Amino acid sequence: MSTPHIPEPANLIISVLTSEGNMLGTVTQLLAEKVGPTEEVIGPLAFDYTKYYDDEMGPGIKRWLLFFTELLDGAELARIKCLTNQIEQSYSEKGKRRVNLDPGLMTLGNYVLATGKNNAHRIYLGAGIFADLTLIFRGGSYRPLEWTYPDYAGGELITLLNRLRKSYKCRLESQSFTSTSRV
């Protein structure tokens, strides 16, 4: 019989996609008020794996990663995705988003994105939100899976997430959280 236990808290990272650089400060401040301060803001990073969002947000989309300071319970992911959806909607114009916010949770063993789209590999969390296991940590690095989005499977984001994982791991250790994963 397995014994239920609460896992170590996760580190929230929100990917911000926009072609309007001035949107970054606005959403970063709003998110800080709602979910806490950022430890680090990374970017702008190239977003050239797809043109999927160009019709909606225009050309020249860049990505920033917001790495949040406070660790949180992984069960908060659905609530945070609902919050980011509300923020996206509030800044939309004529039915088009000006910013795309994708929250994800980093743990020592994986990186999970939140989405409103179901698929075979996604687990329903509630409130219309699914958890998408995007990367797993094996052999000293995050590794993509067959369904991982190409930008998250690319070397640049994996290198950044590996670096952020070191900071996250130090915070876990300093706060005396222990991991049950074999990493």
Protein backbone atom coordinates (compact mmCIF):
# COMPACT_ATOMS: atom_id res chain seq x y z
CA MET A 1 0.00 0.00 0.00
CA SER A 2 1.27 3.44 -0.83
CA THR A 3 1.19 6.06 1.85
CA PRO A 4 0.02 9.46 0.63
CA HIS A 5 2.36 12.35 1.33
CA ILE A 6 2.64 15.94 0.29
CA PRO A 7 5.48 16.39 -2.25
CA GLU A 8 8.02 19.16 -2.01
CA PRO A 9 6.71 22.50 -3.22
CA ALA A 10 7.18 23.44 -6.86
CA ASN A 11 8.71 26.51 -8.47
CA LEU A 12 6.40 28.53 -10.67
CA ILE A 13 7.74 29.70 -14.02
CA ILE A 14 5.52 31.66 -16.38
CA SER A 15 6.45 32.00 -20.04
CA VAL A 16 5.42 35.34 -21.50
CA LEU A 17 5.00 35.58 -25.27
CA THR A 18 4.35 38.96 -26.84
CA SER A 19 5.39 41.14 -29.74
CA GLU A 20 4.87 44.21 -27.54
CA GLY A 21 7.83 44.53 -25.19
CA ASN A 22 5.97 47.08 -23.05
CA MET A 23 3.49 44.33 -22.06
CA LEU A 24 6.21 42.56 -20.04
CA GLY A 25 6.36 45.13 -17.23
CA THR A 26 2.58 45.35 -17.02
CA VAL A 27 1.98 41.61 -16.71
CA THR A 28 5.02 41.04 -14.49
CA GLN A 29 3.75 43.61 -11.99
CA LEU A 30 0.22 42.18 -12.08
CA LEU A 31 1.48 38.62 -11.62
CA ALA A 32 3.73 39.71 -8.73
CA GLU A 33 0.66 41.15 -7.00
CA LYS A 34 -1.32 37.93 -7.55
CA VAL A 35 1.26 35.14 -7.07
CA GLY A 36 4.33 36.78 -5.55
CA PRO A 37 7.61 38.36 -6.59
CA THR A 38 9.94 37.12 -9.30
CA GLU A 39 13.45 36.01 -8.49
CA GLU A 40 14.56 36.43 -12.08
CA VAL A 41 13.21 37.60 -15.43
CA ILE A 42 14.95 35.97 -18.41
CA GLY A 43 14.71 37.36 -21.91
CA PRO A 44 13.92 38.42 -24.43
CA LEU A 45 14.44 35.06 -26.09
CA ALA A 46 13.78 34.29 -29.73
CA PHE A 47 10.45 32.62 -30.44
CA ASP A 48 10.99 31.22 -33.89
CA TYR A 49 9.82 27.61 -33.63
CA THR A 50 6.38 28.44 -34.97
CA LYS A 51 4.33 31.22 -36.54
CA TYR A 52 1.21 29.92 -34.78
CA TYR A 53 0.62 33.12 -32.80
CA ASP A 54 1.60 35.67 -35.49
CA ASP A 55 -1.95 36.23 -36.79
CA GLU A 56 -3.11 36.96 -33.26
CA MET A 57 -0.17 38.86 -31.73
CA GLY A 58 1.72 40.05 -34.78
CA PRO A 59 5.24 39.25 -36.01
CA GLY A 60 8.36 39.58 -33.89
CA ILE A 61 7.11 37.63 -30.89
CA LYS A 62 9.65 37.23 -28.09
CA ARG A 63 9.62 35.09 -24.96
CA TRP A 64 10.47 35.95 -21.39
CA LEU A 65 10.57 33.51 -18.48
CA LEU A 66 9.39 34.75 -15.11
CA PHE A 67 10.99 32.64 -12.36
CA PHE A 68 9.04 33.20 -9.15
CA THR A 69 10.58 33.38 -5.68
CA GLU A 70 7.97 31.66 -3.55
CA LEU A 71 7.61 27.90 -3.79
CA LEU A 72 4.06 26.61 -3.98
CA ASP A 73 1.89 23.54 -3.77
CA GLY A 74 1.60 21.88 -7.17
CA ALA A 75 -2.17 21.73 -6.70
CA GLU A 76 -2.18 25.51 -7.38
CA LEU A 77 -1.40 25.03 -11.09
CA ALA A 78 -5.03 25.04 -12.28
CA ARG A 79 -5.81 28.20 -10.29
CA ILE A 80 -2.76 29.96 -11.71
CA LYS A 81 -3.66 28.97 -15.28
CA CYS A 82 -7.17 30.37 -14.76
CA LEU A 83 -5.57 33.59 -13.49
CA THR A 84 -3.24 33.85 -16.51
CA ASN A 85 -6.19 33.22 -18.83
CA GLN A 86 -8.04 36.12 -17.18
CA ILE A 87 -5.00 38.39 -17.59
CA GLU A 88 -4.65 37.45 -21.27
CA GLN A 89 -8.32 38.20 -21.80
CA SER A 90 -8.19 41.53 -20.00
CA TYR A 91 -5.43 42.78 -22.34
CA SER A 92 -6.98 41.38 -25.52
CA GLU A 93 -8.09 43.77 -28.25
CA LYS A 94 -10.75 42.93 -30.80
CA GLY A 95 -10.68 39.29 -29.73
CA LYS A 96 -6.90 38.96 -30.16
CA ARG A 97 -4.45 38.40 -27.36
CA ARG A 98 -1.58 40.82 -26.99
CA VAL A 99 0.18 38.47 -24.58
CA ASN A 100 0.26 34.70 -24.04
CA LEU A 101 1.01 33.50 -20.51
CA ASP A 102 1.93 29.85 -19.99
CA PRO A 103 2.46 28.81 -16.37
CA GLY A 104 4.56 25.79 -15.58
CA LEU A 105 5.76 24.08 -12.44
CA MET A 106 9.34 22.97 -11.95
CA THR A 107 10.11 20.09 -9.62
CA LEU A 108 13.30 18.14 -9.20
CA GLY A 109 11.82 15.38 -11.37
CA ASN A 110 9.88 17.21 -14.08
CA TYR A 111 8.52 20.35 -15.67
CA VAL A 112 4.74 20.52 -16.16
CA LEU A 113 2.85 23.11 -18.19
CA ALA A 114 -0.81 23.99 -17.69
CA THR A 115 -3.17 24.01 -20.66
CA GLY A 116 -6.85 24.17 -21.44
CA LYS A 117 -6.45 21.62 -24.23
CA ASN A 118 -6.93 17.93 -23.54
CA ASN A 119 -4.77 15.21 -25.09
CA ALA A 120 -3.89 11.59 -24.34
CA HIS A 121 -0.85 12.48 -22.21
CA ARG A 122 -2.54 15.24 -20.18
CA ILE A 123 -4.14 14.85 -16.76
CA TYR A 124 -7.24 16.82 -15.83
CA LEU A 125 -6.72 19.11 -12.83
CA GLY A 126 -10.15 20.75 -12.63
CA ALA A 127 -11.64 24.05 -13.80
CA GLY A 128 -11.06 23.05 -17.44
CA ILE A 129 -7.27 22.87 -16.95
CA PHE A 130 -4.93 19.98 -17.73
CA ALA A 131 -1.36 19.21 -16.65
CA ASP A 132 1.01 18.56 -19.55
CA LEU A 133 4.12 16.62 -18.55
CA THR A 134 6.55 18.54 -20.74
CA LEU A 135 10.03 17.52 -19.55
CA ILE A 136 11.46 14.89 -17.21
CA PHE A 137 14.77 15.17 -15.35
CA ARG A 138 17.08 12.22 -16.08
CA GLY A 139 20.85 11.85 -16.34
CA GLY A 140 21.56 15.37 -15.07
CA SER A 141 19.25 17.27 -17.43
CA TYR A 142 15.65 17.90 -18.33
CA ARG A 143 14.68 15.71 -21.27
CA PRO A 144 11.85 16.13 -23.78
CA LEU A 145 9.17 13.57 -24.43
CA GLU A 146 7.63 12.65 -27.78
CA TRP A 147 4.87 15.27 -27.32
CA THR A 148 7.03 18.08 -25.93
CA TYR A 149 6.56 21.37 -27.79
CA PRO A 150 9.60 21.98 -30.07
CA ASP A 151 10.63 25.16 -28.23
CA TYR A 152 10.68 23.33 -24.88
CA ALA A 153 12.57 20.43 -26.49
CA GLY A 154 15.20 22.85 -27.82
CA GLY A 155 18.57 23.33 -26.20
CA GLU A 156 18.11 26.97 -25.16
CA LEU A 157 15.10 26.43 -22.89
CA ILE A 158 16.46 23.18 -21.49
CA THR A 159 19.77 24.89 -20.63
CA LEU A 160 17.89 27.73 -18.90
CA LEU A 161 15.59 25.35 -17.03
CA ASN A 162 18.56 23.26 -15.88
CA ARG A 163 20.17 26.43 -14.48
CA LEU A 164 16.94 27.50 -12.77
CA ARG A 165 16.58 24.00 -11.32
CA LYS A 166 19.88 24.48 -9.46
CA SER A 167 18.50 27.60 -7.78
CA TYR A 168 15.24 25.82 -7.00
CA LYS A 169 17.11 22.85 -5.53
CA CYS A 170 19.19 25.15 -3.29
CA ARG A 171 16.01 26.78 -1.99
CA LEU A 172 14.46 23.40 -1.26
CA GLU A 173 17.58 22.34 0.64
CA SER A 174 17.79 25.61 2.58
CA GLN A 175 14.14 25.26 3.59
CA SER A 176 14.70 21.61 4.63
CA PHE A 177 12.34 20.08 2.09
CA THR A 178 13.22 16.58 1.05
CA SER A 179 12.52 14.96 -2.27
CA THR A 180 11.09 11.52 -2.80
CA SER A 181 12.25 11.45 -6.41
CA ARG A 182 15.40 9.63 -7.48
CA VAL A 183 17.32 12.54 -8.96
